[in-house]
């Protein structure tokens, strides 16, 4: 499986035979991934080495570096100790590199490592445009129930996050050891495949402020997450016009902002 490999291990415990039992377990890979824009490295993340073209497109959009039409190409170069994702932008997008300087070298769980000002970390985002998009409670629970079917890396390793997109059905999903990376890969896949943002982003992770920021940059009107949000994430979702559904299960969920999009009369597209 791309992005994972079998690793030797020993098993101990009363449920196994006496002594250590040798064997293998499939584990996700994480490598250093440099995100370079027009030849200049902007960020270094630890990420799963799969769907890296999507990662480049998505990171450019969610970080406000470039709009969907401003990315000319993405090339992935394999290096001895990692990958270099070379993103080539139109000239008008280059000015954003100076305005949104980020040099992030840190663990996969950190979405704000290396930001050099409080203002950047707490940046405001565009308000999602009003639309007729609505979901029924039954559809929300069905979207959560469908997500495990699009998580092959998690199924093999039990150590990967997933971000999916629902617009009547779960049409796309991307996985990574980092929750931010999985979301960026999903956004990039949507841009590359021409999937409109009129739908719900479905997450296996908690919802922090930076996750809401990324969804707002995509322009999606709803987030559905299996874990809880932070209080600040709820406040940002309210300001950004995003419906935030969290603690979602196949049989229940909680709504924290813009509950008007939950109705018994769904409207998608």
Protein backbone atom coordinates (compact mmCIF):
# COMPACT_ATOMS: atom_id res chain seq x y z
CA UNK A 1 0.00 0.00 0.00
CA UNK A 2 1.31 3.44 -0.92
CA UNK A 3 2.14 5.44 2.18
CA UNK A 4 2.53 2.40 4.46
CA UNK A 5 4.91 -0.48 4.95
CA UNK A 6 5.20 -3.67 7.01
CA UNK A 7 7.41 -3.31 10.09
CA UNK A 8 8.76 -6.11 12.31
CA UNK A 9 7.44 -6.17 15.87
CA UNK A 10 7.10 -8.37 18.96
CA UNK A 11 3.80 -9.05 20.71
CA UNK A 12 3.55 -9.55 24.49
CA UNK A 13 0.52 -10.25 26.64
CA UNK A 14 -1.52 -12.87 28.44
CA UNK A 15 -3.71 -13.46 25.38
CA UNK A 16 -0.76 -14.70 23.31
CA UNK A 17 1.55 -17.64 23.74
CA UNK A 18 4.17 -17.43 26.51
CA UNK A 19 7.05 -15.15 25.60
CA UNK A 20 7.37 -12.65 22.79
CA UNK A 21 5.65 -13.50 19.51
CA UNK A 22 7.43 -12.12 16.41
CA UNK A 23 5.59 -10.82 13.39
CA UNK A 24 4.88 -7.71 11.34
CA UNK A 25 2.47 -4.79 11.48
CA UNK A 26 1.65 -2.40 8.63
CA UNK A 27 2.41 1.16 9.74
CA UNK A 28 1.88 4.49 7.98
CA UNK A 29 4.93 6.27 6.64
CA UNK A 30 5.79 9.86 7.47
CA UNK A 31 8.50 11.72 5.62
CA UNK A 32 9.69 15.31 5.47
CA UNK A 33 7.75 17.04 2.71
CA UNK A 34 8.95 20.45 1.53
CA UNK A 35 6.34 22.68 -0.07
CA UNK A 36 8.13 24.98 -2.49
CA UNK A 37 6.50 27.80 -4.43
CA UNK A 38 8.20 29.11 -7.56
CA UNK A 39 11.47 27.63 -6.37
CA UNK A 40 11.36 28.90 -2.76
CA UNK A 41 10.58 26.55 0.13
CA UNK A 42 7.62 27.87 2.10
CA UNK A 43 6.96 25.01 4.53
CA UNK A 44 8.34 21.66 5.64
CA UNK A 45 5.80 19.21 7.02
CA UNK A 46 5.94 15.63 8.21
CA UNK A 47 3.38 13.85 6.03
CA UNK A 48 2.38 10.56 4.49
CA UNK A 49 4.04 10.31 1.03
CA UNK A 50 0.83 9.78 -0.94
CA UNK A 51 -1.36 12.20 -2.93
CA UNK A 52 1.35 14.85 -2.71
CA UNK A 53 0.20 16.65 -5.87
CA UNK A 54 -3.15 17.14 -4.13
CA UNK A 55 -1.25 18.34 -1.05
CA UNK A 56 0.51 21.06 -3.04
CA UNK A 57 -2.69 22.36 -4.62
CA UNK A 58 -4.62 22.22 -1.35
CA UNK A 59 -1.96 23.90 0.79
CA UNK A 60 -1.68 26.76 -1.70
CA UNK A 61 -5.43 27.37 -1.47
CA UNK A 62 -6.05 26.86 2.26
CA UNK A 63 -3.08 29.03 3.25
CA UNK A 64 -4.21 31.88 1.01
CA UNK A 65 -1.13 31.68 -1.21
CA UNK A 66 -2.99 31.11 -4.47
CA UNK A 67 -6.50 30.72 -5.82
CA UNK A 68 -7.56 27.61 -7.75
CA UNK A 69 -6.75 29.25 -11.09
CA UNK A 70 -3.36 30.55 -10.01
CA UNK A 71 -1.54 27.21 -9.74
CA UNK A 72 0.21 26.40 -13.01
CA UNK A 73 1.59 22.97 -12.10
CA UNK A 74 2.75 20.77 -9.23
CA UNK A 75 5.75 18.44 -9.48
CA UNK A 76 6.95 16.02 -6.80
CA UNK A 77 10.68 15.35 -6.55
CA UNK A 78 11.93 12.39 -4.51
CA UNK A 79 14.93 13.29 -2.36
CA UNK A 80 17.19 11.00 -0.29
CA UNK A 81 15.43 11.99 2.94
CA UNK A 82 12.03 13.21 1.83
CA UNK A 83 9.99 14.80 -0.94
CA UNK A 84 9.98 18.26 -2.48
CA UNK A 85 6.57 19.36 -3.76
CA UNK A 86 7.34 22.06 -6.33
CA UNK A 87 4.31 24.31 -6.87
CA UNK A 88 4.50 26.77 -9.77
CA UNK A 89 2.26 29.81 -9.54
CA UNK A 90 1.14 32.57 -11.84
CA UNK A 91 3.05 35.84 -11.31
CA UNK A 92 0.14 37.56 -9.57
CA UNK A 93 0.22 34.96 -6.78
CA UNK A 94 3.90 35.43 -5.90
CA UNK A 95 3.23 38.48 -3.73
CA UNK A 96 1.26 36.27 -1.34
CA UNK A 97 4.41 34.35 -0.51
CA UNK A 98 5.84 37.33 1.34
CA UNK A 99 2.53 38.11 3.05
CA UNK A 100 1.92 34.53 4.20
CA UNK A 101 5.41 33.40 5.15
CA UNK A 102 5.31 30.13 7.00
CA UNK A 103 8.24 27.87 7.78
CA UNK A 104 6.76 24.87 9.57
CA UNK A 105 9.03 22.07 10.75
CA UNK A 106 7.33 20.12 13.49
CA UNK A 107 5.26 17.09 14.47
CA UNK A 108 2.32 16.02 12.37
CA UNK A 109 -0.16 17.15 15.03
CA UNK A 110 0.92 20.78 14.85
CA UNK A 111 -0.85 23.00 12.34
CA UNK A 112 0.64 26.33 13.31
CA UNK A 113 4.33 25.51 13.84
CA UNK A 114 6.64 28.28 12.72
CA UNK A 115 4.10 31.04 12.13
CA UNK A 116 5.99 34.22 12.99
CA UNK A 117 3.17 36.39 14.35
CA UNK A 118 0.01 36.10 16.43
CA UNK A 119 -1.87 37.89 13.65
CA UNK A 120 -1.02 35.11 11.19
CA UNK A 121 -2.12 32.38 13.60
CA UNK A 122 -5.43 34.15 14.26
CA UNK A 123 -6.05 35.33 10.71
CA UNK A 124 -9.61 36.06 9.73
CA UNK A 125 -10.99 34.27 6.71
CA UNK A 126 -13.62 34.99 4.06
CA UNK A 127 -17.24 34.47 5.05
CA UNK A 128 -18.71 31.51 3.20
CA UNK A 129 -21.23 32.74 0.64
CA UNK A 130 -24.90 32.12 1.50
CA UNK A 131 -26.48 29.27 -0.43
CA UNK A 132 -29.44 26.93 -0.45
CA UNK A 133 -27.31 23.97 0.72
CA UNK A 134 -29.04 21.97 3.44
CA UNK A 135 -28.62 18.52 5.00
CA UNK A 136 -31.08 16.42 6.93
CA UNK A 137 -30.03 14.88 10.25
CA UNK A 138 -30.30 11.49 8.56
CA UNK A 139 -27.84 12.58 5.87
CA UNK A 140 -25.36 13.86 8.46
CA UNK A 141 -25.37 10.53 10.25
CA UNK A 142 -25.13 8.66 6.93
CA UNK A 143 -22.10 10.72 5.90
CA UNK A 144 -20.33 9.79 9.13
CA UNK A 145 -21.27 6.14 8.73
CA UNK A 146 -19.90 6.10 5.16
CA UNK A 147 -16.51 7.59 6.00
CA UNK A 148 -14.86 4.34 7.23
CA UNK A 149 -15.40 2.85 3.78
CA UNK A 150 -12.97 5.39 2.32
CA UNK A 151 -10.14 4.86 4.83
CA UNK A 152 -7.90 2.07 3.49
CA UNK A 153 -4.76 3.48 5.14
CA UNK A 154 -6.49 3.67 8.51
CA UNK A 155 -7.88 0.17 8.06
CA UNK A 156 -4.39 -1.18 7.45
CA UNK A 157 -2.57 0.82 10.14
CA UNK A 158 -5.06 2.29 12.66
CA UNK A 159 -2.90 5.40 12.60
CA UNK A 160 -4.20 7.82 9.95
CA UNK A 161 -6.65 10.70 9.77
CA UNK A 162 -9.16 11.15 6.95
CA UNK A 163 -10.96 14.11 5.39
CA UNK A 164 -13.86 13.46 3.05
CA UNK A 165 -16.32 15.56 1.04
CA UNK A 166 -20.08 14.95 0.92
CA UNK A 167 -22.37 16.51 -1.69
CA UNK A 168 -25.17 13.98 -1.74
CA UNK A 169 -22.69 11.17 -1.21
CA UNK A 170 -19.10 10.93 -0.05
CA UNK A 171 -17.40 11.63 -3.37
CA UNK A 172 -13.77 12.11 -2.28
CA UNK A 173 -11.52 11.30 0.66
CA UNK A 174 -7.82 11.66 1.47
CA UNK A 175 -5.76 10.24 4.35
CA UNK A 176 -2.58 11.26 6.14
CA UNK A 177 -0.89 10.85 9.51
CA UNK A 178 -1.59 14.56 10.01
CA UNK A 179 -5.15 15.86 10.19
CA UNK A 180 -4.21 19.18 8.55
CA UNK A 181 -2.43 17.35 5.76
CA UNK A 182 -5.43 15.10 5.11
CA UNK A 183 -7.63 18.19 4.77
CA UNK A 184 -5.17 19.95 2.46
CA UNK A 185 -4.98 16.82 0.28
CA UNK A 186 -8.78 16.69 0.09
CA UNK A 187 -8.97 20.36 -0.93
CA UNK A 188 -6.31 19.79 -3.58
CA UNK A 189 -8.14 16.78 -4.95
CA UNK A 190 -11.34 18.80 -5.18
CA UNK A 191 -9.57 21.59 -7.07
CA UNK A 192 -7.88 19.19 -9.49
CA UNK A 193 -11.09 17.25 -10.16
CA UNK A 194 -13.32 20.28 -10.41
CA UNK A 195 -15.52 19.35 -7.45
CA UNK A 196 -17.49 22.40 -6.29
CA UNK A 197 -17.30 23.26 -2.60
CA UNK A 198 -21.08 23.18 -2.11
CA UNK A 199 -21.22 20.43 0.48
CA UNK A 200 -19.81 19.21 3.79
CA UNK A 201 -16.23 18.44 4.78
CA UNK A 202 -16.25 15.30 6.95
CA UNK A 203 -13.34 14.85 9.37
CA UNK A 204 -12.12 12.06 11.61
CA UNK A 205 -10.28 14.54 13.83
CA UNK A 206 -10.99 17.26 16.35
CA UNK A 207 -11.79 20.71 14.95
CA UNK A 208 -9.29 23.41 15.85
CA UNK A 209 -9.21 27.00 14.62
CA UNK A 210 -6.83 26.25 11.78
CA UNK A 211 -9.07 23.48 10.45
CA UNK A 212 -11.96 25.95 10.28
CA UNK A 213 -9.67 28.46 8.54
CA UNK A 214 -8.83 25.91 5.86
CA UNK A 215 -12.48 24.96 5.25
CA UNK A 216 -13.40 28.64 5.03
CA UNK A 217 -10.71 29.19 2.39
CA UNK A 218 -12.22 26.27 0.45
CA UNK A 219 -15.65 27.92 0.79
CA UNK A 220 -17.51 24.84 2.05
CA UNK A 221 -20.59 25.69 4.16
CA UNK A 222 -20.43 22.76 6.60
CA UNK A 223 -17.96 20.76 8.70
CA UNK A 224 -18.91 17.38 10.17
CA UNK A 225 -16.38 15.94 12.62
CA UNK A 226 -16.34 12.82 14.74
CA UNK A 227 -14.47 14.59 17.55
CA UNK A 228 -15.06 17.82 19.45
CA UNK A 229 -14.23 21.39 18.44
CA UNK A 230 -12.40 23.98 20.47
CA UNK A 231 -14.39 26.95 21.76
CA UNK A 232 -12.39 29.25 19.47
CA UNK A 233 -13.13 27.04 16.46
CA UNK A 234 -16.84 27.39 17.16
CA UNK A 235 -16.52 31.17 17.36
CA UNK A 236 -14.62 31.31 14.07
CA UNK A 237 -17.13 29.00 12.35
CA UNK A 238 -19.93 31.33 13.50
CA UNK A 239 -18.15 34.37 12.06
CA UNK A 240 -17.25 32.56 8.84
CA UNK A 241 -20.80 31.39 8.16
CA UNK A 242 -19.94 27.70 8.55
CA UNK A 243 -22.23 25.09 10.10
CA UNK A 244 -20.09 23.15 12.57
CA UNK A 245 -21.32 19.65 13.42
CA UNK A 246 -19.15 17.66 15.82
CA UNK A 247 -19.11 14.58 18.04
CA UNK A 248 -20.87 12.96 15.11
CA UNK A 249 -21.75 9.28 15.13
CA UNK A 250 -24.00 7.13 12.94
CA UNK A 251 -26.77 7.64 15.51
CA UNK A 252 -26.23 11.17 16.96
CA UNK A 253 -24.38 14.47 16.57
CA UNK A 254 -24.16 17.97 18.04
CA UNK A 255 -24.44 21.30 16.17
CA UNK A 256 -22.44 24.31 17.38
CA UNK A 257 -23.00 27.01 14.74
CA UNK A 258 -25.43 27.96 11.95
CA UNK A 259 -27.90 25.20 12.74
CA UNK A 260 -30.27 26.55 10.06
CA UNK A 261 -28.57 24.29 7.49
CA UNK A 262 -29.94 21.25 9.34
CA UNK A 263 -33.46 20.66 8.07
CA UNK A 264 -35.82 17.89 7.06
CA UNK A 265 -35.81 19.27 3.50
CA UNK A 266 -32.35 18.71 2.06
CA UNK A 267 -30.98 20.75 -0.83
CA UNK A 268 -27.69 19.78 -2.46
CA UNK A 269 -26.14 21.42 -5.50
